[in-house]
Structures are given as structure tokens and as C-alpha cells.
C-alpha atoms as a PDB file:
ATOM      1  CA  MET A   1      -4.136 -14.505  11.645  1.00  0.00           C
ATOM      2  CA  GLY A   2      -1.750 -13.524   8.851  1.00  0.00           C
ATOM      3  CA  LYS A   3       1.281 -11.288   8.529  1.00  0.00           C
ATOM      4  CA  PHE A   4       0.616  -7.642   9.388  1.00  0.00           C
ATOM      5  CA  ILE A   5      -0.026  -5.562   6.245  1.00  0.00           C
ATOM      6  CA  VAL A   6       1.911  -2.298   5.939  1.00  0.00           C
ATOM      7  CA  ILE A   7       0.381   0.345   3.656  1.00  0.00           C
ATOM      8  CA  GLY A   8       2.918   3.044   2.847  1.00  0.00           C
ATOM      9  CA  GLU A   9       1.487   6.557   3.220  1.00  0.00           C
ATOM     10  CA  ARG A  10       4.164   8.719   1.589  1.00  0.00           C
ATOM     11  CA  ILE A  11       2.768   9.187  -1.945  1.00  0.00           C
ATOM     12  CA  SER A  12       0.354  11.966  -1.143  1.00  0.00           C
ATOM     13  CA  VAL A  13      -0.348  15.377  -2.629  1.00  0.00           C
ATOM     14  CA  THR A  14      -0.290  16.756   0.917  1.00  0.00           C
ATOM     15  CA  ALA A  15       3.501  16.724   0.392  1.00  0.00           C
ATOM     16  CA  PRO A  16       4.458  19.709  -1.822  1.00  0.00           C
ATOM     17  CA  ALA A  17       7.071  17.713  -3.757  1.00  0.00           C
ATOM     18  CA  ILE A  18       4.556  15.003  -4.624  1.00  0.00           C
ATOM     19  CA  LYS A  19       1.833  17.498  -5.548  1.00  0.00           C
ATOM     20  CA  ARG A  20       4.272  19.224  -7.895  1.00  0.00           C
ATOM     21  CA  ALA A  21       5.265  15.866  -9.399  1.00  0.00           C
ATOM     22  CA  PHE A  22       1.623  15.040 -10.147  1.00  0.00           C
ATOM     23  CA  ASP A  23       0.988  18.522 -11.556  1.00  0.00           C
ATOM     24  CA  GLU A  24       4.020  18.272 -13.860  1.00  0.00           C
ATOM     25  CA  LYS A  25       3.692  14.507 -14.594  1.00  0.00           C
ATOM     26  CA  ASP A  26       7.243  14.123 -13.269  1.00  0.00           C
ATOM     27  CA  PRO A  27       7.679  10.444 -12.352  1.00  0.00           C
ATOM     28  CA  GLU A  28      10.967  10.582 -10.468  1.00  0.00           C
ATOM     29  CA  PRO A  29       9.882  12.106  -7.098  1.00  0.00           C
ATOM     30  CA  ILE A  30       6.957   9.669  -6.982  1.00  0.00           C
ATOM     31  CA  LEU A  31       9.052   6.643  -7.917  1.00  0.00           C
ATOM     32  CA  ALA A  32      11.791   7.612  -5.457  1.00  0.00           C
ATOM     33  CA  ARG A  33       9.343   7.632  -2.552  1.00  0.00           C
ATOM     34  CA  ALA A  34       7.709   4.459  -3.781  1.00  0.00           C
ATOM     35  CA  ARG A  35      11.021   2.577  -4.029  1.00  0.00           C
ATOM     36  CA  GLN A  36      12.079   3.752  -0.565  1.00  0.00           C
ATOM     37  CA  GLN A  37       8.842   2.482   0.970  1.00  0.00           C
ATOM     38  CA  VAL A  38       8.988  -0.888  -0.776  1.00  0.00           C
ATOM     39  CA  ALA A  39      12.626  -1.332   0.248  1.00  0.00           C
ATOM     40  CA  ALA A  40      11.617  -0.556   3.844  1.00  0.00           C
ATOM     41  CA  GLY A  41       8.938  -3.266   3.837  1.00  0.00           C
ATOM     42  CA  ALA A  42       5.675  -1.753   2.531  1.00  0.00           C
ATOM     43  CA  ASP A  43       3.201  -4.352   1.280  1.00  0.00           C
ATOM     44  CA  TYR A  44       0.866  -1.802  -0.346  1.00  0.00           C
ATOM     45  CA  LEU A  45       1.372   1.805  -1.388  1.00  0.00           C
ATOM     46  CA  ASP A  46      -1.343   4.392  -0.796  1.00  0.00           C
ATOM     47  CA  VAL A  47      -1.726   6.760  -3.762  1.00  0.00           C
ATOM     48  CA  ASN A  48      -3.401   9.952  -2.567  1.00  0.00           C
ATOM     49  CA  ILE A  49      -4.154  12.340  -5.431  1.00  0.00           C
ATOM     50  CA  GLY A  50      -6.469  14.570  -3.362  1.00  0.00           C
ATOM     51  CA  PRO A  51      -9.994  15.579  -4.506  1.00  0.00           C
ATOM     52  CA  CYS A  52      -8.709  16.171  -8.044  1.00  0.00           C
ATOM     53  CA  GLU A  53     -12.080  16.896  -9.658  1.00  0.00           C
ATOM     54  CA  GLY A  54     -10.605  18.045 -12.970  1.00  0.00           C
ATOM     55  CA  ASP A  55      -8.194  15.463 -14.362  1.00  0.00           C
ATOM     56  CA  GLY A  56      -8.454  12.910 -11.546  1.00  0.00           C
ATOM     57  CA  GLU A  57      -9.170   9.943 -13.824  1.00  0.00           C
ATOM     58  CA  GLU A  58      -6.144  10.638 -15.998  1.00  0.00           C
ATOM     59  CA  ARG A  59      -3.899  11.246 -12.967  1.00  0.00           C
ATOM     60  CA  MET A  60      -4.885   8.057 -11.187  1.00  0.00           C
ATOM     61  CA  MET A  61      -4.438   5.920 -14.306  1.00  0.00           C
ATOM     62  CA  TRP A  62      -1.032   7.483 -14.881  1.00  0.00           C
ATOM     63  CA  ALA A  63       0.037   6.850 -11.278  1.00  0.00           C
ATOM     64  CA  VAL A  64      -1.205   3.242 -11.204  1.00  0.00           C
ATOM     65  CA  LYS A  65       0.593   2.325 -14.422  1.00  0.00           C
ATOM     66  CA  LEU A  66       3.744   4.204 -13.385  1.00  0.00           C
ATOM     67  CA  LEU A  67       4.041   2.507  -9.994  1.00  0.00           C
ATOM     68  CA  GLN A  68       3.034  -1.006 -11.000  1.00  0.00           C
ATOM     69  CA  GLU A  69       5.255  -1.083 -14.084  1.00  0.00           C
ATOM     70  CA  ASP A  70       8.271   0.101 -12.082  1.00  0.00           C
ATOM     71  CA  LEU A  71       7.676  -1.990  -8.945  1.00  0.00           C
ATOM     72  CA  ASN A  72       6.642  -5.441 -10.166  1.00  0.00           C
ATOM     73  CA  ASN A  73       2.894  -4.823  -9.867  1.00  0.00           C
ATOM     74  CA  ILE A  74       3.023  -3.579  -6.264  1.00  0.00           C
ATOM     75  CA  PRO A  75      -0.501  -3.591  -4.761  1.00  0.00           C
ATOM     76  CA  LEU A  76      -1.994  -0.124  -4.339  1.00  0.00           C
ATOM     77  CA  ALA A  77      -4.579   1.710  -2.253  1.00  0.00           C
ATOM     78  CA  LEU A  78      -6.350   4.290  -4.406  1.00  0.00           C
ATOM     79  CA  ASP A  79      -7.027   7.341  -2.267  1.00  0.00           C
ATOM     80  CA  THR A  80      -9.249  10.175  -3.469  1.00  0.00           C
ATOM     81  CA  SER A  81     -12.734  11.571  -2.960  1.00  0.00           C
ATOM     82  CA  ASN A  82     -13.200  11.365  -6.744  1.00  0.00           C
ATOM     83  CA  MET A  83     -14.990   8.027  -7.289  1.00  0.00           C
ATOM     84  CA  LYS A  84     -14.529   8.135 -11.062  1.00  0.00           C
ATOM     85  CA  ALA A  85     -10.769   8.479 -10.543  1.00  0.00           C
ATOM     86  CA  ILE A  86     -10.755   5.322  -8.412  1.00  0.00           C
ATOM     87  CA  GLU A  87     -12.737   3.452 -11.085  1.00  0.00           C
ATOM     88  CA  ALA A  88     -10.269   4.656 -13.709  1.00  0.00           C
ATOM     89  CA  GLY A  89      -7.337   3.487 -11.606  1.00  0.00           C
ATOM     90  CA  ILE A  90      -8.911   0.064 -11.134  1.00  0.00           C
ATOM     91  CA  SER A  91      -9.464  -0.227 -14.907  1.00  0.00           C
ATOM     92  CA  VAL A  92      -5.677  -0.329 -15.505  1.00  0.00           C
ATOM     93  CA  TYR A  93      -4.730  -2.090 -12.239  1.00  0.00           C
ATOM     94  CA  ASN A  94      -2.741  -5.353 -12.341  1.00  0.00           C
ATOM     95  CA  ARG A  95      -4.017  -7.795  -9.677  1.00  0.00           C
ATOM     96  CA  GLU A  96      -1.102 -10.209  -9.892  1.00  0.00           C
ATOM     97  CA  ARG A  97       0.001  -9.436  -6.307  1.00  0.00           C
ATOM     98  CA  GLY A  98      -3.271  -8.379  -4.710  1.00  0.00           C
ATOM     99  CA  LYS A  99      -6.611  -6.651  -5.116  1.00  0.00           C
ATOM    100  CA  PRO A 100      -6.761  -2.851  -5.201  1.00  0.00           C
ATOM    101  CA  ILE A 101      -7.847  -1.064  -2.023  1.00  0.00           C
ATOM    102  CA  VAL A 102     -10.494   1.662  -2.202  1.00  0.00           C
ATOM    103  CA  ASN A 103      -9.637   4.346   0.362  1.00  0.00           C
ATOM    104  CA  SER A 104     -12.153   4.990   1.843  1.00  0.00           C
ATOM    105  CA  ALA A 105     -15.831   4.561   2.771  1.00  0.00           C
ATOM    106  CA  ASP A 106     -17.739   5.719   5.838  1.00  0.00           C
ATOM    107  CA  ALA A 107     -21.264   5.110   7.120  1.00  0.00           C
ATOM    108  CA  ALA A 108     -22.582   8.442   5.850  1.00  0.00           C
ATOM    109  CA  GLY A 109     -21.716  10.467   2.740  1.00  0.00           C
ATOM    110  CA  ARG A 110     -19.050   8.055   1.490  1.00  0.00           C
ATOM    111  CA  ILE A 111     -20.954   4.783   1.940  1.00  0.00           C
ATOM    112  CA  GLU A 112     -21.164   4.383  -1.839  1.00  0.00           C
ATOM    113  CA  TYR A 113     -17.432   3.623  -1.808  1.00  0.00           C
ATOM    114  CA  VAL A 114     -18.464   0.211  -0.448  1.00  0.00           C
ATOM    115  CA  ASP A 115     -20.637  -0.250  -3.541  1.00  0.00           C
ATOM    116  CA  LEU A 116     -17.707   0.823  -5.733  1.00  0.00           C
ATOM    117  CA  ALA A 117     -15.417  -1.749  -4.120  1.00  0.00           C
ATOM    118  CA  ALA A 118     -18.056  -4.472  -4.435  1.00  0.00           C
ATOM    119  CA  ALA A 119     -18.665  -3.739  -8.119  1.00  0.00           C
ATOM    120  CA  ASN A 120     -14.925  -3.937  -8.860  1.00  0.00           C
ATOM    121  CA  ASP A 121     -13.923  -6.886  -6.646  1.00  0.00           C
ATOM    122  CA  ALA A 122     -11.757  -4.599  -4.520  1.00  0.00           C
ATOM    123  CA  ILE A 123     -10.938  -4.222  -0.843  1.00  0.00           C
ATOM    124  CA  VAL A 124     -12.406  -1.166   0.906  1.00  0.00           C
ATOM    125  CA  ILE A 125     -11.174   0.700   3.961  1.00  0.00           C
ATOM    126  CA  ALA A 126     -14.345   1.287   5.973  1.00  0.00           C
ATOM    127  CA  LEU A 127     -14.135   4.164   8.464  1.00  0.00           C
ATOM    128  CA  CYS A 128     -16.201   3.474  11.590  1.00  0.00           C
ATOM    129  CA  ASN A 129     -17.730   6.931  11.631  1.00  0.00           C
ATOM    130  CA  GLY A 130     -20.664   8.806  10.154  1.00  0.00           C
ATOM    131  CA  GLU A 131     -21.076  12.569   9.832  1.00  0.00           C
ATOM    132  CA  GLY A 132     -18.601  13.011  12.684  1.00  0.00           C
ATOM    133  CA  ILE A 133     -16.242  11.072  14.952  1.00  0.00           C
ATOM    134  CA  ALA A 134     -17.981   8.337  16.944  1.00  0.00           C
ATOM    135  CA  ALA A 135     -18.583   9.223  20.587  1.00  0.00           C
ATOM    136  CA  ASP A 136     -17.870   5.726  21.927  1.00  0.00           C
ATOM    137  CA  ASN A 137     -17.479   2.076  20.961  1.00  0.00           C
ATOM    138  CA  ASP A 138     -21.218   1.470  20.815  1.00  0.00           C
ATOM    139  CA  GLU A 139     -21.453   4.119  18.114  1.00  0.00           C
ATOM    140  CA  ARG A 140     -18.387   2.740  16.316  1.00  0.00           C
ATOM    141  CA  MET A 141     -19.973  -0.704  16.312  1.00  0.00           C
ATOM    142  CA  GLY A 142     -23.187   0.709  14.875  1.00  0.00           C
ATOM    143  CA  TYR A 143     -21.232   2.241  12.005  1.00  0.00           C
ATOM    144  CA  LEU A 144     -19.307  -1.013  11.499  1.00  0.00           C
ATOM    145  CA  GLN A 145     -22.542  -2.988  11.257  1.00  0.00           C
ATOM    146  CA  THR A 146     -23.963  -0.513   8.721  1.00  0.00           C
ATOM    147  CA  LEU A 147     -20.855  -0.817   6.549  1.00  0.00           C
ATOM    148  CA  LEU A 148     -20.620  -4.587   6.892  1.00  0.00           C
ATOM    149  CA  GLU A 149     -24.269  -5.057   5.946  1.00  0.00           C
ATOM    150  CA  ARG A 150     -23.861  -2.738   2.952  1.00  0.00           C
ATOM    151  CA  GLY A 151     -20.907  -4.766   1.715  1.00  0.00           C
ATOM    152  CA  MET A 152     -22.642  -8.109   2.213  1.00  0.00           C
ATOM    153  CA  GLU A 153     -25.767  -6.837   0.417  1.00  0.00           C
ATOM    154  CA  HIS A 154     -23.562  -6.077  -2.584  1.00  0.00           C
ATOM    155  CA  GLY A 155     -21.884  -9.484  -2.566  1.00  0.00           C
ATOM    156  CA  MET A 156     -18.618  -8.626  -0.823  1.00  0.00           C
ATOM    157  CA  GLU A 157     -16.691 -11.080   1.314  1.00  0.00           C
ATOM    158  CA  ALA A 158     -16.371  -9.818   4.894  1.00  0.00           C
ATOM    159  CA  GLU A 159     -12.580 -10.154   4.651  1.00  0.00           C
ATOM    160  CA  ASP A 160     -12.532  -7.449   1.964  1.00  0.00           C
ATOM    161  CA  LEU A 161     -13.870  -4.784   4.336  1.00  0.00           C
ATOM    162  CA  TRP A 162     -10.960  -3.442   6.413  1.00  0.00           C
ATOM    163  CA  PHE A 163     -12.444  -1.524   9.335  1.00  0.00           C
ATOM    164  CA  ASP A 164     -10.761   1.657  10.536  1.00  0.00           C
ATOM    165  CA  PRO A 165     -11.538   2.664  14.147  1.00  0.00           C
ATOM    166  CA  LEU A 166     -10.043   6.129  13.473  1.00  0.00           C
ATOM    167  CA  PHE A 167      -7.013   6.764  15.650  1.00  0.00           C
ATOM    168  CA  LEU A 168      -7.409   9.897  17.770  1.00  0.00           C
ATOM    169  CA  VAL A 169      -4.798  12.472  18.711  1.00  0.00           C
ATOM    170  CA  THR A 170      -3.287  11.450  22.045  1.00  0.00           C
ATOM    171  CA  LYS A 171      -2.201  14.990  22.815  1.00  0.00           C
ATOM    172  CA  GLY A 172      -5.803  16.191  22.885  1.00  0.00           C
ATOM    173  CA  MET A 173      -7.741  12.969  23.551  1.00  0.00           C
ATOM    174  CA  GLN A 174      -5.535  10.937  25.880  1.00  0.00           C
ATOM    175  CA  ASP A 175      -8.544   9.477  27.676  1.00  0.00           C
ATOM    176  CA  LYS A 176      -9.886   7.949  24.411  1.00  0.00           C
ATOM    177  CA  GLN A 177      -6.880   5.832  23.442  1.00  0.00           C
ATOM    178  CA  MET A 178      -7.869   2.674  25.322  1.00  0.00           C
ATOM    179  CA  ASP A 179     -11.326   2.871  23.724  1.00  0.00           C
ATOM    180  CA  ILE A 180      -9.678   2.635  20.297  1.00  0.00           C
ATOM    181  CA  LEU A 181      -7.600  -0.366  21.373  1.00  0.00           C
ATOM    182  CA  GLU A 182     -10.654  -2.069  22.856  1.00  0.00           C
ATOM    183  CA  PHE A 183     -12.550  -1.519  19.612  1.00  0.00           C
ATOM    184  CA  ILE A 184      -9.722  -3.100  17.618  1.00  0.00           C
ATOM    185  CA  LYS A 185     -10.124  -6.155  19.875  1.00  0.00           C
ATOM    186  CA  MET A 186     -13.867  -6.150  19.142  1.00  0.00           C
ATOM    187  CA  ILE A 187     -13.174  -6.098  15.395  1.00  0.00           C
ATOM    188  CA  SER A 188     -10.707  -8.965  15.795  1.00  0.00           C
ATOM    189  CA  ASP A 189     -13.115 -11.008  17.925  1.00  0.00           C
ATOM    190  CA  MET A 190     -15.631 -10.759  15.071  1.00  0.00           C
ATOM    191  CA  GLY A 191     -13.046 -12.293  12.717  1.00  0.00           C
ATOM    192  CA  LEU A 192     -12.787  -9.073  10.710  1.00  0.00           C
ATOM    193  CA  ASN A 193      -9.810  -7.146   9.360  1.00  0.00           C
ATOM    194  CA  SER A 194      -8.741  -3.725  10.600  1.00  0.00           C
ATOM    195  CA  THR A 195      -6.532  -0.886   9.448  1.00  0.00           C
ATOM    196  CA  GLY A 196      -6.096   2.854   9.934  1.00  0.00           C
ATOM    197  CA  GLY A 197      -3.849   5.888   9.814  1.00  0.00           C
ATOM    198  CA  LEU A 198      -1.849   4.991  12.887  1.00  0.00           C
ATOM    199  CA  SER A 199       0.313   8.110  13.062  1.00  0.00           C
ATOM    200  CA  ASN A 200      -2.731  10.283  13.779  1.00  0.00           C
ATOM    201  CA  ASN A 201      -2.312   9.267  17.417  1.00  0.00           C
ATOM    202  CA  SER A 202       0.994  11.167  17.609  1.00  0.00           C
ATOM    203  CA  ASN A 203      -0.058  14.325  15.748  1.00  0.00           C
ATOM    204  CA  GLY A 204       1.185  17.503  17.399  1.00  0.00           C
ATOM    205  CA  MET A 205       3.926  15.778  19.403  1.00  0.00           C
ATOM    206  CA  PRO A 206       7.600  16.761  19.100  1.00  0.00           C
ATOM    207  CA  LYS A 207       9.314  15.067  16.166  1.00  0.00           C
ATOM    208  CA  HIS A 208      11.573  12.885  18.328  1.00  0.00           C
ATOM    209  CA  ILE A 209       8.603  11.504  20.314  1.00  0.00           C
ATOM    210  CA  ARG A 210       6.385  10.530  17.390  1.00  0.00           C
ATOM    211  CA  PRO A 211       8.239   7.308  16.379  1.00  0.00           C
ATOM    212  CA  ILE A 212       8.212   6.169  20.022  1.00  0.00           C
ATOM    213  CA  MET A 213       4.497   6.785  20.432  1.00  0.00           C
ATOM    214  CA  ASP A 214       3.634   5.236  17.051  1.00  0.00           C
ATOM    215  CA  SER A 215       5.677   2.126  17.854  1.00  0.00           C
ATOM    216  CA  CYS A 216       3.989   1.700  21.231  1.00  0.00           C
ATOM    217  CA  MET A 217       0.560   2.173  19.699  1.00  0.00           C
ATOM    218  CA  VAL A 218       1.126  -0.365  16.927  1.00  0.00           C
ATOM    219  CA  ALA A 219       2.428  -2.947  19.418  1.00  0.00           C
ATOM    220  CA  MET A 220      -0.628  -2.528  21.655  1.00  0.00           C
ATOM    221  CA  ALA A 221      -2.960  -2.578  18.650  1.00  0.00           C
ATOM    222  CA  MET A 222      -1.342  -5.721  17.219  1.00  0.00           C
ATOM    223  CA  ALA A 223      -1.714  -7.415  20.607  1.00  0.00           C
ATOM    224  CA  ASN A 224      -5.452  -6.711  20.244  1.00  0.00           C
ATOM    225  CA  GLY A 225      -5.626  -8.245  16.761  1.00  0.00           C
ATOM    226  CA  PHE A 226      -4.883  -5.242  14.511  1.00  0.00           C
ATOM    227  CA  THR A 227      -4.207  -6.587  10.999  1.00  0.00           C
ATOM    228  CA  SER A 228      -2.946  -3.605   8.960  1.00  0.00           C
ATOM    229  CA  ALA A 229      -1.928   0.050   9.197  1.00  0.00           C
ATOM    230  CA  ILE A 230      -1.310   3.045   6.972  1.00  0.00           C
ATOM    231  CA  VAL A 231       2.114   4.242   8.112  1.00  0.00           C
ATOM    232  CA  ASN A 232       5.475   5.659   7.108  1.00  0.00           C
ATOM    233  CA  PRO A 233       7.540   2.521   6.394  1.00  0.00           C
ATOM    234  CA  ASN A 234      10.712   4.589   6.501  1.00  0.00           C
ATOM    235  CA  ASP A 235      10.264   4.918  10.273  1.00  0.00           C
ATOM    236  CA  LEU A 236      12.808   2.260  11.286  1.00  0.00           C
ATOM    237  CA  ARG A 237      11.684   1.982  14.901  1.00  0.00           C
ATOM    238  CA  LEU A 238       8.092   1.428  13.786  1.00  0.00           C
ATOM    239  CA  MET A 239       8.994  -1.234  11.221  1.00  0.00           C
ATOM    240  CA  GLU A 240      11.237  -3.057  13.688  1.00  0.00           C
ATOM    241  CA  THR A 241       8.331  -3.090  16.152  1.00  0.00           C
ATOM    242  CA  ILE A 242       5.878  -4.433  13.562  1.00  0.00           C
ATOM    243  CA  LYS A 243       8.280  -7.182  12.472  1.00  0.00           C
ATOM    244  CA  SER A 244       8.985  -8.141  16.083  1.00  0.00           C
ATOM    245  CA  CYS A 245       5.279  -8.261  16.943  1.00  0.00           C
ATOM    246  CA  ASP A 246       4.687 -10.527  13.940  1.00  0.00           C
ATOM    247  CA  ILE A 247       7.320 -12.916  15.322  1.00  0.00           C
ATOM    248  CA  ILE A 248       5.702 -12.921  18.771  1.00  0.00           C
ATOM    249  CA  ARG A 249       2.245 -13.459  17.228  1.00  0.00           C
ATOM    250  CA  ASN A 250       3.737 -16.416  15.269  1.00  0.00           C
ATOM    251  CA  ASN A 251       2.837 -14.801  11.956  1.00  0.00           C
ATOM    252  CA  CYS A 252       6.408 -15.112  10.641  1.00  0.00           C
ATOM    253  CA  LEU A 253       9.025 -17.817  11.114  1.00  0.00           C
ATOM    254  CA  TYR A 254      11.785 -16.645  13.453  1.00  0.00           C
ATOM    255  CA  ALA A 255      15.324 -16.269  12.151  1.00  0.00           C
ATOM    256  CA  ASP A 256      18.158 -14.193  13.623  1.00  0.00           C
ATOM    257  CA  SER A 257      17.950 -12.078  10.461  1.00  0.00           C
ATOM    258  CA  TYR A 258      14.191 -11.409  10.704  1.00  0.00           C
ATOM    259  CA  LEU A 259      14.656  -7.637  10.862  1.00  0.00           C
ATOM    260  CA  GLU A 260      16.365  -7.668   7.472  1.00  0.00           C
ATOM    261  CA  LEU A 261      13.678  -9.728   5.758  1.00  0.00           C
END
């Protein structure tokens, strides 16, 4: 078991300021968010350019070069439904500090993203769902097996498929939360890696509650073998929890200054 991997989620066109920066090719808002996340402890940065069917290839290449040149070849997750844009991003990607992540495949219409990752020696986030959200852990496991087999058929190492159980909104699906945690344990017991958009569990909650709920969820998930998450690294409570869990799991050497490292 290695150190927990934090993928920073804040470079996304769902944020109006970032969408405008991509539209205008204005580097500063993007770099400002990137630097904040890296300073807060992000290991990877997710770069979400949206569907971007028009100039997606050009945008992704621009973003990859911009971020890696400014931030010492920071590893990136390339996030778009435009497969050609991901391929373009990989073509200019510097692997000095880690493989690119393809975000993301599923067991239905996006299963070819596994093939894309395999062809480019990349990591892929593999969503354990098909046409819709899995009803239970048996269904999640079926999707996992489909994705794992697809990757292996194309020559991938199992460690390069990072399985996402899909965190569910606690406010509307409180009775499903333990199922997600149990599935994370199942992934871990198989010796596989896991990841996911952790903050989805706190969607719809009051702003002051969300960091508390996210921190509790990540601690429980890490206790079950969770290996990575897509999160806001600027959430101090969350990052303190992740760092503390890594100490307890013996993934990092304890020092009184561990929270500053």
C-alpha cells in the first residue's frame, strides 16, 4: 500500500472563471488554481475541458504544456469526452513524474477509453457503472470485471486501472453509503487501485457541513483500502485527514511536522 494519491479537481470548465480562461487562452486563472492545489498537496491535477468538440485537441495540448512547463511536469488527469483531445494531450505530455491519467472509462459507451489508455501507456479511471448507476455491489463487480478484462486484453497492467465505485449523494441515498465503502474494500482485497470524485457524497449539504462529511468519508474509505481521490486540495480539513490517515496506515514516516509536508 502506497501513499494516498490526491487528484486536484479545481481546473474545470464547470467553473465560469476557468471556462472563460480557456475560451480566451488566458493562462493566469488556470495557473493560479493549479499553483494553489499543488501548494496544498495535490499529486495530480485534473484538467477538465468539457466535451469541447470543436477545438478540444488544441485546448488540451495548450493546457498540458502550460501546466507542466509552469509546475515542474506535474502529472495530469486529462478529462473530456473528446477522445481525440485526450490523445492530443498525451502527445505533448511529459512523463517525468508520472503517467497521464485518462478520465474516464465505463463499462458501456465509454469502454473504448480503456483501449485509449492501453494504446498510450496511460492510467485510466474506470467507472464501475454501465448505462446507469449500479444497483448493488454485485452489479458494480460485474462492471469492474468487464473493465479489468478489457484492459488486460489490450496489454494493460492491472495497477493502471483505477476503479471508481461512484460516490453517491448522502442526502438522497443515505442507505447506500456503506455499500460504497464495502465495495472499496472489495477492490482493495483484489489488490487493485481505486479512486473517485469523493465530494459527490456531500452534494446538496450546507457549505459548512461539506468539509466535515468529506473528511469522514475519506477516512472511512482509506480504512477500507481506498488509494486515491479526486478532491479539492484547498479543503484544509480534508487534507489534514488524508495526511493523518496515511500516517496511521504507515504509508508515511511520522514526524511532528507531518501536516506541513
